[in-house]
Protein backbone atom coordinates (compact mmCIF):
# COMPACT_ATOMS: atom_id res chain seq x y z
CA MET A 1 31.70 23.45 -37.50
CA LEU A 2 28.24 23.89 -36.00
CA GLY A 3 28.29 20.28 -34.77
CA LYS A 4 31.59 20.87 -33.02
CA ILE A 5 30.09 23.85 -31.20
CA LEU A 6 26.84 22.13 -30.23
CA LEU A 7 28.30 18.77 -29.20
CA PRO A 8 29.85 19.97 -25.94
CA GLN A 9 26.56 21.71 -25.06
CA LYS A 10 24.63 18.50 -25.65
CA ILE A 11 27.09 16.52 -23.57
CA LEU A 12 26.88 19.10 -20.81
CA PHE A 13 23.08 18.95 -20.91
CA LEU A 14 23.12 15.16 -20.72
CA LEU A 15 25.57 15.24 -17.82
CA LYS A 16 23.35 17.69 -15.95
CA GLU A 17 20.25 15.58 -16.58
CA GLY A 18 22.08 12.42 -15.56
CA PHE A 19 23.34 14.00 -12.36
CA PHE A 20 19.87 15.32 -11.49
CA LEU A 21 18.34 11.90 -12.17
CA LEU A 22 20.94 10.22 -9.95
CA VAL A 23 20.25 12.67 -7.12
CA LEU A 24 16.49 12.27 -7.60
CA VAL A 25 16.51 8.46 -7.48
CA SER A 26 18.89 8.53 -4.50
CA LEU A 27 16.56 10.94 -2.69
CA GLY A 28 13.59 8.77 -3.51
CA PHE A 29 15.34 5.62 -2.32
CA ALA A 30 16.28 7.36 0.92
CA ALA A 31 12.62 8.30 1.42
CA PHE A 32 11.39 4.80 0.56
CA THR A 33 13.86 3.07 2.89
CA TRP A 34 13.89 5.43 5.88
CA ASN A 35 12.45 2.62 8.04
CA HIS A 36 15.25 0.12 7.34
CA GLU A 37 16.08 -0.24 11.04
CA ALA A 38 12.58 -1.63 11.66
CA VAL A 39 12.72 -4.00 8.66
CA PHE A 40 16.16 -5.55 9.04
CA VAL A 41 16.51 -6.59 12.68
CA GLY A 42 18.97 -9.21 13.90
CA GLY A 43 19.55 -10.58 10.41
CA GLU A 44 15.83 -11.16 9.80
CA VAL A 45 13.29 -9.36 7.62
CA TYR A 46 10.17 -7.94 9.29
CA TYR A 47 7.35 -6.49 7.20
CA THR A 48 5.44 -3.35 8.05
CA ASP A 49 1.93 -4.79 8.55
CA GLY A 50 -0.14 -7.95 8.53
CA ASP A 51 -1.31 -7.69 4.93
CA CYS A 52 2.32 -7.83 3.81
CA TYR A 53 2.84 -11.15 5.60
CA SER A 54 -0.30 -12.48 3.88
CA ARG A 55 1.12 -11.41 0.53
CA MET A 56 4.40 -13.15 1.26
CA THR A 57 2.60 -16.34 2.30
CA ARG A 58 0.95 -16.31 -1.14
CA VAL A 59 4.32 -15.89 -2.85
CA ARG A 60 5.81 -18.72 -0.79
CA MET A 61 2.97 -20.95 -1.99
CA ILE A 62 3.86 -20.03 -5.58
CA GLU A 63 7.52 -20.87 -5.03
CA ASP A 64 6.62 -24.17 -3.40
CA GLY A 65 3.85 -25.26 -5.75
CA GLY A 66 4.46 -23.52 -9.06
CA PHE A 67 3.35 -20.25 -10.63
CA ARG A 68 -0.41 -19.97 -10.37
CA SER A 69 -3.27 -17.82 -9.15
CA ILE A 70 -4.17 -18.29 -5.49
CA ARG A 71 -7.91 -17.80 -5.05
CA HIS A 72 -8.36 -19.19 -1.55
CA HIS A 73 -6.56 -18.53 1.74
CA ASP A 74 -6.89 -21.52 4.05
CA TRP A 75 -4.52 -20.04 6.62
CA GLU A 76 -6.86 -17.25 7.79
CA ASN A 77 -10.38 -17.58 9.19
CA PHE A 78 -9.35 -21.19 9.77
CA PRO A 79 -10.69 -23.76 9.01
CA GLU A 80 -13.19 -22.14 6.62
CA GLY A 81 -10.63 -19.89 4.96
CA THR A 82 -11.32 -16.80 2.86
CA THR A 83 -11.77 -15.83 -0.77
CA PRO A 84 -9.58 -12.71 -1.01
CA HIS A 85 -9.55 -9.82 -3.50
CA THR A 86 -5.77 -10.22 -3.85
CA THR A 87 -4.63 -10.85 -7.44
CA MET A 88 -1.58 -12.35 -9.12
CA PRO A 89 0.42 -9.44 -10.69
CA VAL A 90 2.18 -8.37 -7.48
CA ASP A 91 2.68 -12.01 -6.47
CA GLY A 92 4.34 -12.63 -9.81
CA LEU A 93 6.65 -9.62 -9.52
CA ILE A 94 7.84 -10.67 -6.05
CA ALA A 95 8.31 -14.27 -7.14
CA GLY A 96 10.30 -13.10 -10.15
CA LEU A 97 12.52 -10.84 -8.04
CA SER A 98 13.02 -13.73 -5.62
CA GLN A 99 14.39 -15.88 -8.44
CA ILE A 100 16.78 -13.10 -9.44
CA LEU A 101 18.05 -12.88 -5.84
CA ARG A 102 18.24 -16.65 -5.32
CA PRO A 103 21.93 -17.00 -6.35
CA PHE A 104 22.94 -14.23 -3.94
CA SER A 105 21.09 -15.04 -0.71
CA GLU A 106 19.38 -17.90 1.09
CA ARG A 107 16.72 -15.41 2.20
CA HIS A 108 15.93 -14.44 -1.38
CA LEU A 109 12.15 -14.65 -0.88
CA ALA A 110 12.11 -12.46 2.23
CA LEU A 111 14.44 -9.92 0.60
CA ALA A 112 12.33 -9.81 -2.56
CA GLY A 113 9.31 -8.91 -0.46
CA ALA A 114 11.27 -6.21 1.33
CA TRP A 115 12.67 -4.55 -1.80
CA ILE A 116 9.87 -4.87 -4.38
CA SER A 117 8.09 -1.62 -3.44
CA PRO A 118 11.21 0.62 -3.34
CA LEU A 119 12.15 -0.74 -6.77
CA LEU A 120 8.68 0.08 -8.09
CA GLY A 121 9.04 3.56 -6.56
CA ALA A 122 12.33 4.05 -8.40
CA SER A 123 10.57 2.88 -11.58
CA LEU A 124 7.94 5.57 -11.07
CA LEU A 125 10.60 8.28 -10.77
CA LEU A 126 12.40 7.03 -13.88
CA PHE A 127 9.17 6.92 -15.86
CA LEU A 128 8.14 10.44 -14.83
CA ALA A 129 11.64 11.69 -15.65
CA ALA A 130 11.64 10.08 -19.11
CA TRP A 131 8.08 11.16 -19.94
CA SER A 132 8.58 14.77 -18.84
CA ALA A 133 11.93 15.03 -20.65
CA VAL A 134 10.59 13.67 -23.95
CA THR A 135 7.50 15.90 -23.82
CA ARG A 136 9.52 18.87 -22.49
CA LEU A 137 7.16 19.67 -19.63
CA PRO A 138 7.86 22.95 -17.81
CA TYR A 139 8.91 22.71 -14.16
CA ARG A 140 9.33 18.96 -14.55
CA ARG A 141 11.85 18.95 -11.71
CA ALA A 142 9.20 20.22 -9.28
CA MET A 143 7.01 17.26 -10.27
CA LEU A 144 9.87 14.79 -9.81
CA LEU A 145 10.89 16.28 -6.47
CA MET A 146 7.33 16.06 -5.14
CA ALA A 147 7.01 12.45 -6.29
CA ALA A 148 10.28 11.61 -4.53
CA VAL A 149 9.63 13.28 -1.16
CA SER A 150 5.85 13.09 -0.64
CA PRO A 151 5.46 11.20 2.67
CA ILE A 152 2.36 9.34 1.53
CA LEU A 153 3.96 8.19 -1.72
CA SER A 154 7.04 7.09 0.21
CA HIS A 155 4.69 5.03 2.41
CA GLY A 156 3.27 3.34 -0.68
CA PHE A 157 6.78 2.44 -1.84
CA GLN A 158 8.11 1.72 1.63
CA LEU A 159 10.78 -0.86 2.33
CA GLY A 160 9.26 -4.02 3.79
CA ARG A 161 5.80 -3.26 2.40
CA PRO A 162 5.06 -5.72 -0.43
CA ASP A 163 1.52 -4.48 -0.98
CA HIS A 164 -0.46 -3.75 -4.14
CA GLN A 165 -0.41 0.06 -3.81
CA SER A 166 3.15 0.33 -5.11
CA LEU A 167 2.37 -1.35 -8.44
CA LEU A 168 -1.00 0.39 -8.62
CA VAL A 169 0.50 3.88 -8.25
CA LEU A 170 3.07 3.13 -10.98
CA LEU A 171 0.43 1.84 -13.41
CA LEU A 172 -1.89 4.78 -12.76
CA ALA A 173 0.98 7.22 -13.31
CA VAL A 174 1.53 5.68 -16.75
CA ALA A 175 -2.22 5.76 -17.48
CA LEU A 176 -2.61 9.42 -16.47
CA ALA A 177 0.51 10.48 -18.38
CA ALA A 178 -0.88 8.77 -21.50
CA GLU A 179 -4.24 10.49 -20.95
CA ALA A 180 -2.59 13.90 -20.67
CA GLU A 181 -0.69 13.30 -23.90
CA LEU A 182 -3.89 12.33 -25.70
CA TRP A 183 -5.46 15.59 -24.55
CA ARG A 184 -2.47 17.40 -26.06
CA GLY A 185 -3.03 15.68 -29.41
CA ALA A 186 -0.10 13.28 -29.15
CA LYS A 187 0.51 10.30 -31.42
CA ASN A 188 -1.87 7.36 -31.50
CA TYR A 189 0.49 4.93 -29.70
CA TRP A 190 -0.38 6.70 -26.43
CA ARG A 191 -3.85 5.15 -26.76
CA TYR A 192 -2.29 1.69 -26.54
CA VAL A 193 -0.17 2.77 -23.57
CA SER A 194 -3.32 4.10 -21.87
CA ALA A 195 -5.35 0.95 -22.57
CA THR A 196 -2.57 -1.31 -21.28
CA ALA A 197 -1.95 0.69 -18.10
CA TRP A 198 -5.64 1.02 -17.19
CA ALA A 199 -6.31 -2.68 -17.82
CA PHE A 200 -3.40 -3.87 -15.68
CA ALA A 201 -4.35 -1.39 -12.94
CA LEU A 202 -7.86 -2.85 -12.89
CA TRP A 203 -6.32 -6.32 -12.73
CA VAL A 204 -4.30 -5.34 -9.65
CA SER A 205 -7.33 -3.80 -7.90
CA LEU A 206 -10.79 -3.02 -9.21
CA PHE A 207 -11.71 -0.42 -6.61
CA GLU A 208 -9.53 2.69 -6.99
CA PRO A 209 -8.72 2.38 -10.73
CA SER A 210 -12.39 1.99 -11.69
CA ILE A 211 -13.29 5.20 -9.83
CA LEU A 212 -10.35 7.12 -11.30
CA LEU A 213 -11.15 5.84 -14.80
CA GLY A 214 -14.73 7.02 -14.32
CA ILE A 215 -13.43 10.48 -13.34
CA VAL A 216 -11.20 10.56 -16.45
CA ILE A 217 -14.15 9.66 -18.70
CA LEU A 218 -16.24 12.37 -17.01
CA ALA A 219 -13.44 14.88 -17.59
CA ARG A 220 -13.38 13.97 -21.28
CA TRP A 221 -17.10 14.64 -21.54
CA LEU A 222 -16.97 17.90 -19.57
CA PHE A 223 -13.85 19.48 -21.03
CA ARG A 224 -13.40 17.93 -24.47
CA GLY A 225 -16.97 17.29 -25.60
CA ARG A 226 -17.43 16.94 -29.34
CA SER A 227 -13.72 17.28 -30.07
CA GLN A 228 -13.47 13.53 -29.41
CA ALA A 229 -15.91 12.58 -32.17
CA HIS A 230 -13.27 12.41 -34.93
CA GLU A 231 -11.07 10.20 -32.72
CA ALA A 232 -13.61 7.36 -32.48
CA LYS A 233 -12.13 5.45 -35.43
CA ASP A 234 -8.74 5.31 -33.64
CA ARG A 235 -10.13 3.66 -30.51
CA ARG A 236 -11.01 0.21 -31.80
CA GLY A 237 -7.51 -1.26 -31.43
CA PRO A 238 -6.88 0.13 -27.91
CA LEU A 239 -10.33 -1.02 -26.77
CA ILE A 240 -9.67 -4.54 -28.04
CA LEU A 241 -6.36 -4.54 -26.17
CA PHE A 242 -8.02 -3.20 -23.01
CA PHE A 243 -10.75 -5.84 -22.90
CA THR A 244 -8.34 -8.62 -23.90
CA ILE A 245 -6.18 -7.88 -20.84
CA LEU A 246 -9.28 -7.75 -18.62
CA ALA A 247 -10.46 -11.08 -20.02
CA LEU A 248 -7.04 -12.53 -19.28
CA ALA A 249 -7.28 -11.20 -15.71
CA VAL A 250 -10.67 -12.83 -15.20
CA ALA A 251 -9.44 -16.11 -16.71
CA ILE A 252 -6.38 -16.20 -14.42
CA ASP A 253 -7.67 -14.69 -11.18
CA GLY A 254 -11.43 -15.05 -11.55
CA TRP A 255 -14.01 -12.60 -10.31
CA ARG A 256 -14.27 -12.51 -6.53
CA ALA A 257 -16.65 -10.41 -4.46
CA THR A 258 -17.66 -10.77 -0.81
CA GLY A 259 -20.10 -8.96 1.42
CA PHE A 260 -19.31 -7.10 4.62
CA HIS A 261 -19.64 -8.59 8.09
CA PRO A 262 -21.94 -6.76 10.57
CA ALA A 263 -18.88 -5.94 12.69
CA PHE A 264 -17.03 -4.34 9.76
CA ALA A 265 -17.66 -0.73 10.82
CA ARG A 266 -16.30 -1.31 14.33
CA TRP A 267 -13.32 -3.30 13.05
CA ALA A 268 -12.53 -0.65 10.42
CA LEU A 269 -11.86 1.90 13.18
CA ASN A 270 -8.53 0.09 13.65
CA ILE A 271 -7.49 0.50 10.00
CA GLY A 272 -5.64 3.77 9.40
CA GLU A 273 -6.34 3.82 5.66
CA LEU A 274 -10.10 3.70 6.31
CA ARG A 275 -10.06 6.85 8.44
CA SER A 276 -10.38 10.44 7.25
CA ALA A 277 -7.03 12.03 6.48
CA GLY A 278 -7.99 15.58 7.52
CA TRP A 279 -6.58 18.74 5.96
CA SER A 280 -3.47 18.76 8.16
CA GLY A 281 -2.57 15.28 6.96
CA ILE A 282 -3.20 16.18 3.33
CA PHE A 283 -0.97 19.27 3.53
CA SER A 284 1.77 17.20 5.19
CA TRP A 285 1.69 14.93 2.12
CA CYS A 286 1.45 17.55 -0.64
CA GLY A 287 2.36 20.93 0.83
CA TRP A 288 0.46 24.19 1.03
CA LEU A 289 0.43 24.71 -2.72
CA LEU A 290 -2.34 22.10 -2.89
CA ALA A 291 -4.78 24.73 -1.56
CA ALA A 292 -4.13 27.00 -4.56
CA ALA A 293 -3.81 24.21 -7.12
CA PRO A 294 -7.49 24.12 -8.25
CA ALA A 295 -7.52 27.89 -8.83
CA LEU A 296 -4.23 27.79 -10.77
CA LEU A 297 -5.43 24.91 -12.97
CA ALA A 298 -8.81 26.56 -13.55
CA TRP A 299 -7.11 29.82 -14.54
CA ARG A 300 -4.83 28.05 -17.01
CA TRP A 301 -7.80 26.17 -18.51
CA ILE A 302 -9.91 29.34 -18.85
CA GLN A 303 -7.01 31.02 -20.65
CA GLY A 304 -6.97 28.08 -23.08
CA ARG A 305 -3.25 27.55 -22.56
CA GLU A 306 -3.34 23.83 -21.83
CA LYS A 307 -6.27 21.44 -22.42
CA PRO A 308 -5.10 18.84 -19.82
CA CYS A 309 -5.64 21.44 -17.05
CA GLY A 310 -9.31 20.42 -17.02
CA LEU A 311 -8.33 16.79 -16.56
CA TRP A 312 -5.98 17.55 -13.66
CA LEU A 313 -8.51 19.92 -12.09
CA LEU A 314 -11.27 17.32 -11.90
CA LEU A 315 -8.88 14.58 -10.78
CA LEU A 316 -7.37 16.77 -8.07
CA ILE A 317 -10.71 17.89 -6.62
CA SER A 318 -12.10 14.33 -6.70
CA ALA A 319 -8.99 12.79 -5.13
CA ALA A 320 -8.95 15.43 -2.37
CA GLY A 321 -12.59 14.73 -1.53
CA LEU A 322 -12.01 10.98 -1.50
CA THR A 323 -8.94 11.39 0.72
CA LEU A 324 -10.94 13.43 3.22
CA TYR A 325 -13.31 10.45 3.34
CA HIS A 326 -10.68 7.66 3.43
CA ALA A 327 -6.92 8.17 3.83
CA ARG A 328 -6.23 5.29 1.40
CA TRP A 329 -6.82 7.79 -1.43
CA GLY A 330 -3.86 9.87 -0.28
CA TYR A 331 -1.49 7.90 -2.55
CA PHE A 332 -3.45 8.94 -5.63
CA LEU A 333 -4.01 12.52 -4.47
CA ALA A 334 -0.24 13.01 -4.06
CA LEU A 335 0.40 11.39 -7.45
CA VAL A 336 -2.17 13.57 -9.24
CA PHE A 337 -0.89 16.70 -7.48
CA ALA A 338 2.72 15.97 -8.43
CA MET A 339 1.84 15.22 -12.07
CA SER A 340 -0.28 18.39 -12.35
CA LEU A 341 2.54 20.72 -11.24
CA PRO A 342 3.91 21.28 -14.79
CA TRP A 343 0.47 22.53 -15.80
CA MET A 344 -0.29 24.76 -12.81
CA LEU A 345 3.08 26.37 -12.00
CA PRO A 346 3.34 28.38 -15.27
CA ALA A 347 0.35 30.39 -14.00
CA LEU A 348 2.77 32.09 -11.58
CA ARG A 349 4.74 33.28 -14.65
CA LYS A 350 8.14 34.32 -13.27
CA PRO A 351 10.41 31.25 -12.78
CA GLY A 352 12.17 32.72 -9.75
CA TRP A 353 8.84 33.40 -8.05
CA VAL A 354 7.62 29.90 -8.97
CA TRP A 355 10.53 28.19 -7.20
CA VAL A 356 10.26 30.39 -4.12
CA VAL A 357 6.56 29.60 -3.76
CA PHE A 358 7.12 25.91 -4.42
CA PHE A 359 9.84 25.45 -1.82
CA ILE A 360 7.98 27.49 0.81
CA SER A 361 4.90 25.33 0.21
CA LEU A 362 6.93 22.23 1.16
CA TRP A 363 7.20 23.34 4.80
CA PRO A 364 4.53 20.89 6.13
CA VAL A 365 6.15 18.09 4.09
CA ALA A 366 9.50 18.85 5.72
CA ALA A 367 7.83 18.94 9.14
CA GLU A 368 6.32 15.49 8.51
CA TRP A 369 9.72 14.09 7.59
CA ASP A 370 11.29 15.69 10.63
CA GLN A 371 8.70 13.99 12.82
CA ARG A 372 9.33 10.62 11.15
CA LEU A 373 13.11 10.71 11.18
CA TYR A 374 13.60 12.35 14.56
CA SER A 375 10.58 11.12 16.48
CA GLU A 376 10.59 11.46 20.25
CA GLY A 377 8.30 10.94 23.20
CA GLU A 378 5.24 8.76 22.55
CA ALA A 379 6.01 8.33 18.83
CA LEU A 380 9.50 7.04 19.55
CA ARG A 381 8.25 4.66 22.25
CA ALA A 382 5.63 3.31 19.84
CA ARG A 383 8.28 2.62 17.19
CA VAL A 384 10.54 0.84 19.67
CA GLU A 385 7.63 -1.21 21.03
CA ASN A 386 6.53 -2.23 17.52
CA ILE A 387 10.01 -3.56 16.78
CA ALA A 388 10.13 -5.38 20.11
CA ASP A 389 6.66 -6.84 19.47
CA ALA A 390 7.72 -8.11 16.03
CA VAL A 391 10.85 -9.82 17.38
CA ALA A 392 8.99 -11.36 20.34
CA LEU A 393 6.15 -12.53 18.10
CA ARG A 394 8.60 -14.27 15.78
CA GLU A 395 10.18 -16.01 18.78
CA ALA A 396 6.78 -17.26 19.92
CA ALA A 397 5.65 -18.31 16.44
CA LEU A 398 8.82 -20.25 15.75
CA ARG A 399 8.01 -22.48 18.75
CA LEU A 400 4.96 -23.69 16.82
CA ARG A 401 6.78 -24.45 13.58
CA ASP A 402 7.85 -28.00 14.46
CA ARG A 403 4.83 -28.93 16.57
CA HIS A 404 1.85 -30.85 15.23
CA ALA A 405 -0.48 -28.96 12.93
CA GLY A 406 -3.45 -27.08 14.31
CA GLY A 407 -5.28 -23.78 14.31
CA VAL A 408 -4.03 -20.79 16.29
CA VAL A 409 -6.25 -18.24 18.01
CA ALA A 410 -4.34 -14.96 18.41
CA PRO A 411 -4.93 -11.19 18.29
CA TRP A 412 -6.12 -10.67 14.72
CA TRP A 413 -3.44 -8.15 13.71
CA PHE A 414 -0.68 -10.67 14.53
CA CYS A 415 -2.21 -13.60 12.63
CA PRO A 416 -0.54 -13.20 9.19
CA ALA A 417 2.91 -12.89 10.81
CA ILE A 418 2.24 -16.02 12.88
CA VAL A 419 1.31 -17.90 9.70
CA TRP A 420 4.47 -16.67 7.96
CA TRP A 421 6.83 -17.62 10.80
CA SER A 422 5.17 -20.82 12.04
CA GLY A 423 3.32 -22.26 9.04
CA GLN A 424 0.28 -22.85 11.28
CA PRO A 425 -3.15 -21.47 10.21
CA CYS A 426 -4.93 -18.82 12.29
CA VAL A 427 -8.57 -18.26 13.19
CA GLY A 428 -8.21 -14.50 12.58
CA GLY A 429 -6.52 -12.39 9.92
CA THR A 430 -6.14 -8.79 8.76
CA SER A 431 -8.62 -8.85 5.86
CA HIS A 432 -12.30 -8.06 6.27
CA GLN A 433 -13.07 -11.52 4.89
CA SER A 434 -11.58 -12.90 8.13
CA LEU A 435 -14.11 -11.07 10.31
CA PRO A 436 -16.08 -14.22 11.24
CA GLY A 437 -12.92 -15.66 12.80
CA ILE A 438 -11.88 -12.27 14.24
CA VAL A 439 -15.22 -11.84 16.01
CA GLU A 440 -15.17 -15.37 17.44
CA SER A 441 -11.58 -14.86 18.63
CA CYS A 442 -12.61 -11.65 20.41
CA GLU A 443 -15.50 -13.47 22.06
CA PHE A 444 -13.07 -16.17 23.24
CA TYR A 445 -10.70 -13.62 24.83
CA LEU A 446 -13.57 -11.81 26.57
CA GLY A 447 -15.08 -14.99 27.99
CA GLU A 448 -14.66 -15.84 31.68
CA VAL A 449 -13.65 -19.46 30.98
CA PRO A 450 -12.10 -21.12 27.91
CA ASP A 451 -14.78 -21.79 25.31
CA LEU A 452 -14.01 -25.42 24.52
CA GLU A 453 -16.81 -25.60 21.95
CA PHE A 454 -15.20 -22.74 20.02
CA LEU A 455 -11.80 -24.44 20.18
CA GLN A 456 -13.26 -27.67 18.84
CA LYS A 457 -15.30 -26.01 16.09
CA ARG A 458 -12.35 -23.94 14.87
CA LYS A 459 -9.88 -26.85 15.28
CA VAL A 460 -7.76 -24.70 17.58
CA VAL A 461 -4.68 -26.31 19.08
CA TYR A 462 -2.71 -23.20 20.16
CA ILE A 463 -3.77 -20.03 21.96
CA LEU A 464 -1.60 -16.93 21.95
CA VAL A 465 -2.26 -14.11 24.40
CA TYR A 466 -0.81 -10.60 24.37
CA GLU A 467 -0.65 -7.61 26.71
CA PRO A 468 -4.26 -7.33 27.97
CA ASP A 469 -4.75 -3.56 27.71
CA ARG A 470 -4.70 -3.65 23.92
CA LEU A 471 -6.05 -7.17 23.45
CA ILE A 472 -9.10 -6.70 25.67
CA SER A 473 -9.89 -3.11 24.67
CA ASN A 474 -9.69 -4.00 20.98
CA SER A 475 -11.91 -7.05 21.46
CA GLU A 476 -14.45 -4.91 23.33
CA GLN A 477 -14.44 -2.36 20.53
CA ILE A 478 -15.03 -4.92 17.79
CA LEU A 479 -17.82 -6.65 19.74
CA GLY A 480 -19.31 -3.38 20.97
CA ARG A 481 -19.51 -4.34 24.64
CA GLN A 482 -17.65 -3.83 27.92
CA THR A 483 -16.33 -6.40 30.39
CA THR A 484 -15.34 -6.34 34.04
CA SER A 485 -11.62 -5.73 34.51
CA GLY A 486 -9.68 -8.89 35.41
CA SER A 487 -12.55 -11.26 34.62
CA THR A 488 -11.67 -12.26 31.05
CA ILE A 489 -9.78 -15.35 29.98
CA GLY A 490 -7.40 -13.15 27.98
CA GLU A 491 -6.33 -11.33 31.15
CA ARG A 492 -6.15 -14.49 33.24
CA LEU A 493 -4.03 -16.39 30.73
CA TYR A 494 -1.61 -13.48 30.39
CA ALA A 495 -1.29 -13.05 34.17
CA SER A 496 -0.94 -16.79 34.85
CA ARG A 497 2.45 -17.94 36.10
CA GLU A 498 1.99 -21.61 37.04
CA GLU A 499 -1.68 -22.54 37.31
CA THR A 500 -3.60 -22.68 34.04
CA PRO A 501 -7.30 -23.31 33.28
CA THR A 502 -8.37 -26.90 32.79
CA GLY A 503 -7.74 -28.12 29.25
CA LEU A 504 -4.87 -25.71 28.53
CA LYS A 505 -1.12 -26.17 28.91
CA LYS A 506 1.44 -23.36 28.75
CA ILE A 507 4.19 -24.17 26.26
CA PHE A 508 6.00 -20.85 25.85
CA ALA A 509 6.26 -17.36 27.34
CA ASN A 510 8.38 -14.30 26.72
CA ARG A 511 8.13 -10.62 27.57
CA PHE A 512 5.04 -9.90 25.47
CA PHE A 513 3.42 -13.22 24.53
CA LYS A 514 2.31 -16.47 26.11
CA VAL A 515 1.37 -19.54 24.16
CA TYR A 516 -0.93 -22.31 25.38
CA GLU A 517 -1.81 -25.67 23.90
CA ALA A 518 -5.31 -27.06 24.08
CA VAL A 519 -5.04 -30.49 25.65
CA PRO A 520 -7.30 -33.05 23.88
């Protein structure tokens, strides 16, 4: 009799949870794919930045030559090439998705690159939903909503952005969830989940996970102290698993480290992720509640209500400080903030008051989305110009596909896309390892006559010039010097209609780009 009474209630609960999960994933997918008009243009797939084209060139090499680790890029900083930090896990995921899509589309590789990050974002939402439901976290829906709508997290999982941050955020979410459960005295299998997630995160990228793991270890020492002593005997298996995965990573991908070029600081001014986010940017990603979050977590920890509050407190403060230094940490700040909500919101006590405060705090997040979705003025013009640039660049690069092989000198931020569309290697690139070629390309564009010695040394056959205002000003910034207006070869080649400098022959021109061939 009791079962007959409870069964409809259980079914109703499951239906409610299923409906909420469907709405949540749909909302997340809408946030991850808001830029679809800039990705799918004229039946082609355009990626969001140069690094994404480099990633896809790696995956194409895997499809053409077999599954393997790619430790050298010969298509950037040509002909010397580079030894990148990029590792195999994301390459393997995209290649695997490409094989799944192969029966359905001829452009399976391009589509796999476009969709891999939104799918990883959906996986994050499903994981957080499952974890919070099983562990019965309070205000779990606030956490899930923040993870779905945070603008910076949506950027990490953005359509057309096959970069490592999407997999990294997912792995770190699993690692931090496992850590929180261990602090709550959960079962020992969470240690194996933690070891696996941290090891794979370090495989994807050594930089951010190693710092976050150090913060977690510091939090254990500060807030748990001697309470960990009796747990030492349970750590041997997880540690063996952790170091086994790291050994596998080193065996497959090797250990690669490179120094920084003297021009790195000037070049880095062009990289948005290497700039300070500022408080306004941080609030637009997390909402106003972030300002009160440390106090709420500290209060809950002092009361002794929840041990993981100390973990989230130290992670949140550290991630906020790192984000103020470099915006690239914004992904992890938003993740930590979202995952800490079930621990901080109970400090407000009354559920009705909690939800009012939470939704009001989302005002700057809503304003950021309004600006993205309904941009106007300069922002709208920039979006339209970026799409037009991408289409025109593809048109120019395709003209090189069937010509004889040779290096291309081009504005450095266009180089990976040129490689992807044309198959020709470039002197520049978008990684800091390409800075030797980037600097020499800038010197070429700022010269008064074509530097034939540079063209010969770099085995350059094709020269691509772009609108001079950006090309020349960016070259001046990277080199740290000024030139006389109208005197540079970059300006002269772009303005040329018929007559060209000796040794160069114009082979293509459209609205934004002109392509020249170096005559032997």
